[in-house]
Amino acid sequence: MSKNYMLALDLGESSGSNKKAIQIAEKLAKNDGATLHVVTVIPTFSMPIVGSYFPEGFEEKNFKLAKSNLKKVIEEDASDPSAMKRHVVQGSIYEKIMSTADKLGCSLIIMEAHRPDLKDYLLGPNAARVVRHAKQSVYVIRD
């Protein structure tokens, strides 16, 4: 098993939810001697029809804001923030979680599944897709 684990965080969720996920991921990584990569995914605005609705420079500002917010969440909620590697990626959430885990050589993806709507049944749509399609083992944290 590789010594790289990845925690996928949704920065739009409450800080209490992220704190629980960070603490669980830290414990898993520490117990296995793994490096913990913390990833958040933001949407891309590259399609011309989508990008035209946002002011010039919005995508770059959004990316910088996500990096800043990810750093803040980790510094507030992690017991050892310096031990985590932070990544902000753009694109489809479930696709980017899987491709980033592949790129980083991770053997475990850790992510939350938020309270599902009736239509989602057991897992939210992104968590369900990652569980079904990822090459890695997936540890799902229920909130």
C-alpha atoms as a PDB file:
ATOM      1  CA  MET A   1       0.000   0.000   0.000  1.00  0.00           C
ATOM      2  CA  SER A   2       1.326   3.458  -0.897  1.00  0.00           C
ATOM      3  CA  LYS A   3       2.121   5.941   1.778  1.00  0.00           C
ATOM      4  CA  ASN A   4      -0.070   8.670   0.284  1.00  0.00           C
ATOM      5  CA  TYR A   5      -3.639   9.250   1.416  1.00  0.00           C
ATOM      6  CA  MET A   6      -5.985  11.906   0.100  1.00  0.00           C
ATOM      7  CA  LEU A   7      -8.729  13.747   1.970  1.00  0.00           C
ATOM      8  CA  ALA A   8     -11.265  15.446  -0.301  1.00  0.00           C
ATOM      9  CA  LEU A   9     -12.822  18.437   1.460  1.00  0.00           C
ATOM     10  CA  ASP A  10     -15.880  20.442   0.506  1.00  0.00           C
ATOM     11  CA  LEU A  11     -15.123  23.977   1.672  1.00  0.00           C
ATOM     12  CA  GLY A  12     -18.792  24.840   1.323  1.00  0.00           C
ATOM     13  CA  GLU A  13     -19.663  22.608   4.267  1.00  0.00           C
ATOM     14  CA  SER A  14     -19.706  23.681   7.892  1.00  0.00           C
ATOM     15  CA  SER A  15     -16.380  23.872   9.691  1.00  0.00           C
ATOM     16  CA  GLY A  16     -17.537  21.218  12.179  1.00  0.00           C
ATOM     17  CA  SER A  17     -18.018  18.773   9.337  1.00  0.00           C
ATOM     18  CA  ASN A  18     -14.557  19.523   7.931  1.00  0.00           C
ATOM     19  CA  LYS A  19     -12.978  19.276  11.372  1.00  0.00           C
ATOM     20  CA  LYS A  20     -14.343  15.766  11.861  1.00  0.00           C
ATOM     21  CA  ALA A  21     -13.062  14.693   8.446  1.00  0.00           C
ATOM     22  CA  ILE A  22      -9.635  16.221   9.044  1.00  0.00           C
ATOM     23  CA  GLN A  23      -9.283  14.545  12.440  1.00  0.00           C
ATOM     24  CA  ILE A  24     -10.238  11.129  11.042  1.00  0.00           C
ATOM     25  CA  ALA A  25      -7.907  11.522   8.053  1.00  0.00           C
ATOM     26  CA  GLU A  26      -5.028  12.627  10.289  1.00  0.00           C
ATOM     27  CA  LYS A  27      -5.506   9.598  12.497  1.00  0.00           C
ATOM     28  CA  LEU A  28      -5.612   7.193   9.533  1.00  0.00           C
ATOM     29  CA  ALA A  29      -2.503   8.719   7.945  1.00  0.00           C
ATOM     30  CA  LYS A  30      -0.582   8.823  11.220  1.00  0.00           C
ATOM     31  CA  ASN A  31      -1.433   5.207  12.065  1.00  0.00           C
ATOM     32  CA  ASP A  32      -0.198   4.055   8.652  1.00  0.00           C
ATOM     33  CA  GLY A  33       2.763   6.432   8.354  1.00  0.00           C
ATOM     34  CA  ALA A  34       1.212   7.998   5.244  1.00  0.00           C
ATOM     35  CA  THR A  35       1.482  11.507   3.841  1.00  0.00           C
ATOM     36  CA  LEU A  36      -1.903  13.216   3.884  1.00  0.00           C
ATOM     37  CA  HIS A  37      -2.888  15.261   0.840  1.00  0.00           C
ATOM     38  CA  VAL A  38      -5.917  17.508   1.352  1.00  0.00           C
ATOM     39  CA  VAL A  39      -7.762  18.377  -1.850  1.00  0.00           C
ATOM     40  CA  THR A  40     -10.650  20.687  -2.619  1.00  0.00           C
ATOM     41  CA  VAL A  41     -12.281  20.993  -6.023  1.00  0.00           C
ATOM     42  CA  ILE A  42     -13.627  24.226  -7.461  1.00  0.00           C
ATOM     43  CA  PRO A  43     -15.638  24.530 -10.672  1.00  0.00           C
ATOM     44  CA  THR A  44     -13.991  25.510 -13.896  1.00  0.00           C
ATOM     45  CA  PHE A  45     -15.271  28.449 -15.899  1.00  0.00           C
ATOM     46  CA  SER A  46     -13.535  27.523 -19.145  1.00  0.00           C
ATOM     47  CA  MET A  47     -16.657  27.032 -21.249  1.00  0.00           C
ATOM     48  CA  PRO A  48     -17.225  30.352 -23.082  1.00  0.00           C
ATOM     49  CA  ILE A  49     -20.939  30.395 -22.350  1.00  0.00           C
ATOM     50  CA  VAL A  50     -20.275  29.941 -18.623  1.00  0.00           C
ATOM     51  CA  GLY A  51     -17.256  32.214 -18.414  1.00  0.00           C
ATOM     52  CA  SER A  52     -19.094  35.095 -20.061  1.00  0.00           C
ATOM     53  CA  TYR A  53     -21.340  35.467 -16.996  1.00  0.00           C
ATOM     54  CA  PHE A  54     -18.428  36.243 -14.677  1.00  0.00           C
ATOM     55  CA  PRO A  55     -16.225  39.339 -14.561  1.00  0.00           C
ATOM     56  CA  GLU A  56     -12.722  39.182 -15.987  1.00  0.00           C
ATOM     57  CA  GLY A  57     -10.279  37.640 -13.517  1.00  0.00           C
ATOM     58  CA  PHE A  58     -13.024  35.900 -11.521  1.00  0.00           C
ATOM     59  CA  GLU A  59     -11.589  32.413 -12.054  1.00  0.00           C
ATOM     60  CA  GLU A  60      -8.148  33.430 -10.788  1.00  0.00           C
ATOM     61  CA  LYS A  61      -9.657  35.213  -7.765  1.00  0.00           C
ATOM     62  CA  ASN A  62     -11.818  32.172  -7.006  1.00  0.00           C
ATOM     63  CA  PHE A  63      -8.761  29.910  -7.164  1.00  0.00           C
ATOM     64  CA  LYS A  64      -6.786  32.166  -4.790  1.00  0.00           C
ATOM     65  CA  LEU A  65      -9.745  32.364  -2.404  1.00  0.00           C
ATOM     66  CA  ALA A  66     -10.059  28.561  -2.367  1.00  0.00           C
ATOM     67  CA  LYS A  67      -6.342  28.197  -1.589  1.00  0.00           C
ATOM     68  CA  SER A  68      -6.655  30.708   1.238  1.00  0.00           C
ATOM     69  CA  ASN A  69      -9.790  29.052   2.637  1.00  0.00           C
ATOM     70  CA  LEU A  70      -8.238  25.586   2.474  1.00  0.00           C
ATOM     71  CA  LYS A  71      -5.169  26.828   4.344  1.00  0.00           C
ATOM     72  CA  LYS A  72      -7.372  28.474   6.980  1.00  0.00           C
ATOM     73  CA  VAL A  73      -9.520  25.352   7.510  1.00  0.00           C
ATOM     74  CA  ILE A  74      -6.452  23.136   7.879  1.00  0.00           C
ATOM     75  CA  GLU A  75      -4.716  25.539  10.251  1.00  0.00           C
ATOM     76  CA  GLU A  76      -7.839  25.798  12.418  1.00  0.00           C
ATOM     77  CA  ASP A  77      -8.874  22.140  12.462  1.00  0.00           C
ATOM     78  CA  ALA A  78      -5.744  20.010  12.081  1.00  0.00           C
ATOM     79  CA  SER A  79      -3.564  18.950  14.970  1.00  0.00           C
ATOM     80  CA  ASP A  80      -0.468  19.156  12.707  1.00  0.00           C
ATOM     81  CA  PRO A  81      -1.205  21.416   9.717  1.00  0.00           C
ATOM     82  CA  SER A  82       2.406  21.348   8.528  1.00  0.00           C
ATOM     83  CA  ALA A  83       2.176  17.588   7.934  1.00  0.00           C
ATOM     84  CA  MET A  84      -0.526  18.025   5.275  1.00  0.00           C
ATOM     85  CA  LYS A  85      -0.042  18.871   1.639  1.00  0.00           C
ATOM     86  CA  ARG A  86      -2.742  21.166   0.230  1.00  0.00           C
ATOM     87  CA  HIS A  87      -4.123  21.050  -3.311  1.00  0.00           C
ATOM     88  CA  VAL A  88      -6.817  23.070  -5.073  1.00  0.00           C
ATOM     89  CA  VAL A  89      -7.968  21.638  -8.388  1.00  0.00           C
ATOM     90  CA  GLN A  90     -10.589  22.728 -10.898  1.00  0.00           C
ATOM     91  CA  GLY A  91     -13.193  20.671 -12.704  1.00  0.00           C
ATOM     92  CA  SER A  92     -15.869  18.077 -12.087  1.00  0.00           C
ATOM     93  CA  ILE A  93     -15.780  17.098  -8.419  1.00  0.00           C
ATOM     94  CA  TYR A  94     -15.777  13.307  -8.658  1.00  0.00           C
ATOM     95  CA  GLU A  95     -13.532  13.243 -11.751  1.00  0.00           C
ATOM     96  CA  LYS A  96     -10.959  15.537 -10.156  1.00  0.00           C
ATOM     97  CA  ILE A  97     -10.962  13.609  -6.889  1.00  0.00           C
ATOM     98  CA  MET A  98     -10.143  10.395  -8.753  1.00  0.00           C
ATOM     99  CA  SER A  99      -7.612  11.891 -11.182  1.00  0.00           C
ATOM    100  CA  THR A 100      -5.825  13.784  -8.396  1.00  0.00           C
ATOM    101  CA  ALA A 101      -5.613  10.617  -6.291  1.00  0.00           C
ATOM    102  CA  ASP A 102      -4.119   8.823  -9.303  1.00  0.00           C
ATOM    103  CA  LYS A 103      -1.664  11.663  -9.994  1.00  0.00           C
ATOM    104  CA  LEU A 104      -0.509  11.768  -6.352  1.00  0.00           C
ATOM    105  CA  GLY A 105      -0.161   7.980  -6.140  1.00  0.00           C
ATOM    106  CA  CYS A 106      -2.685   7.697  -3.313  1.00  0.00           C
ATOM    107  CA  SER A 107      -3.869   4.316  -2.095  1.00  0.00           C
ATOM    108  CA  LEU A 108      -6.766   5.696  -0.030  1.00  0.00           C
ATOM    109  CA  ILE A 109      -9.334   8.420  -0.672  1.00  0.00           C
ATOM    110  CA  ILE A 110     -11.075   9.792   2.408  1.00  0.00           C
ATOM    111  CA  MET A 111     -14.231  11.816   1.870  1.00  0.00           C
ATOM    112  CA  GLU A 112     -17.510  12.768   3.427  1.00  0.00           C
ATOM    113  CA  ALA A 113     -20.955  11.752   2.297  1.00  0.00           C
ATOM    114  CA  HIS A 114     -23.446  14.346   3.422  1.00  0.00           C
ATOM    115  CA  ARG A 115     -26.990  13.539   4.442  1.00  0.00           C
ATOM    116  CA  PRO A 116     -28.547  12.291   1.248  1.00  0.00           C
ATOM    117  CA  ASP A 117     -31.782  13.434  -0.289  1.00  0.00           C
ATOM    118  CA  LEU A 118     -34.246  10.660  -0.946  1.00  0.00           C
ATOM    119  CA  LYS A 119     -33.060  10.517  -4.553  1.00  0.00           C
ATOM    120  CA  ASP A 120     -29.472   9.829  -3.470  1.00  0.00           C
ATOM    121  CA  TYR A 121     -30.335   6.923  -1.148  1.00  0.00           C
ATOM    122  CA  LEU A 122     -27.125   5.906   0.642  1.00  0.00           C
ATOM    123  CA  LEU A 123     -24.450   8.278  -0.630  1.00  0.00           C
ATOM    124  CA  GLY A 124     -24.391  11.688  -2.229  1.00  0.00           C
ATOM    125  CA  PRO A 125     -23.774  11.687  -5.982  1.00  0.00           C
ATOM    126  CA  ASN A 126     -20.053  12.583  -5.837  1.00  0.00           C
ATOM    127  CA  ALA A 127     -19.219  10.121  -3.067  1.00  0.00           C
ATOM    128  CA  ALA A 128     -21.184   7.388  -4.831  1.00  0.00           C
ATOM    129  CA  ARG A 129     -19.322   7.934  -8.105  1.00  0.00           C
ATOM    130  CA  VAL A 130     -15.938   7.954  -6.399  1.00  0.00           C
ATOM    131  CA  VAL A 131     -16.776   4.755  -4.485  1.00  0.00           C
ATOM    132  CA  ARG A 132     -17.902   3.031  -7.692  1.00  0.00           C
ATOM    133  CA  HIS A 133     -15.131   4.163 -10.020  1.00  0.00           C
ATOM    134  CA  ALA A 134     -11.946   4.946  -8.066  1.00  0.00           C
ATOM    135  CA  LYS A 135      -8.965   2.627  -8.323  1.00  0.00           C
ATOM    136  CA  GLN A 136      -8.198   3.328  -4.662  1.00  0.00           C
ATOM    137  CA  SER A 137      -9.951   2.194  -1.531  1.00  0.00           C
ATOM    138  CA  VAL A 138     -12.431   4.835  -0.357  1.00  0.00           C
ATOM    139  CA  TYR A 139     -13.132   5.626   3.289  1.00  0.00           C
ATOM    140  CA  VAL A 140     -16.481   7.388   3.545  1.00  0.00           C
ATOM    141  CA  ILE A 141     -17.272   9.526   6.580  1.00  0.00           C
ATOM    142  CA  ARG A 142     -20.942  10.017   7.297  1.00  0.00           C
ATOM    143  CA  ASP A 143     -21.936  13.292   8.887  1.00  0.00           C
END
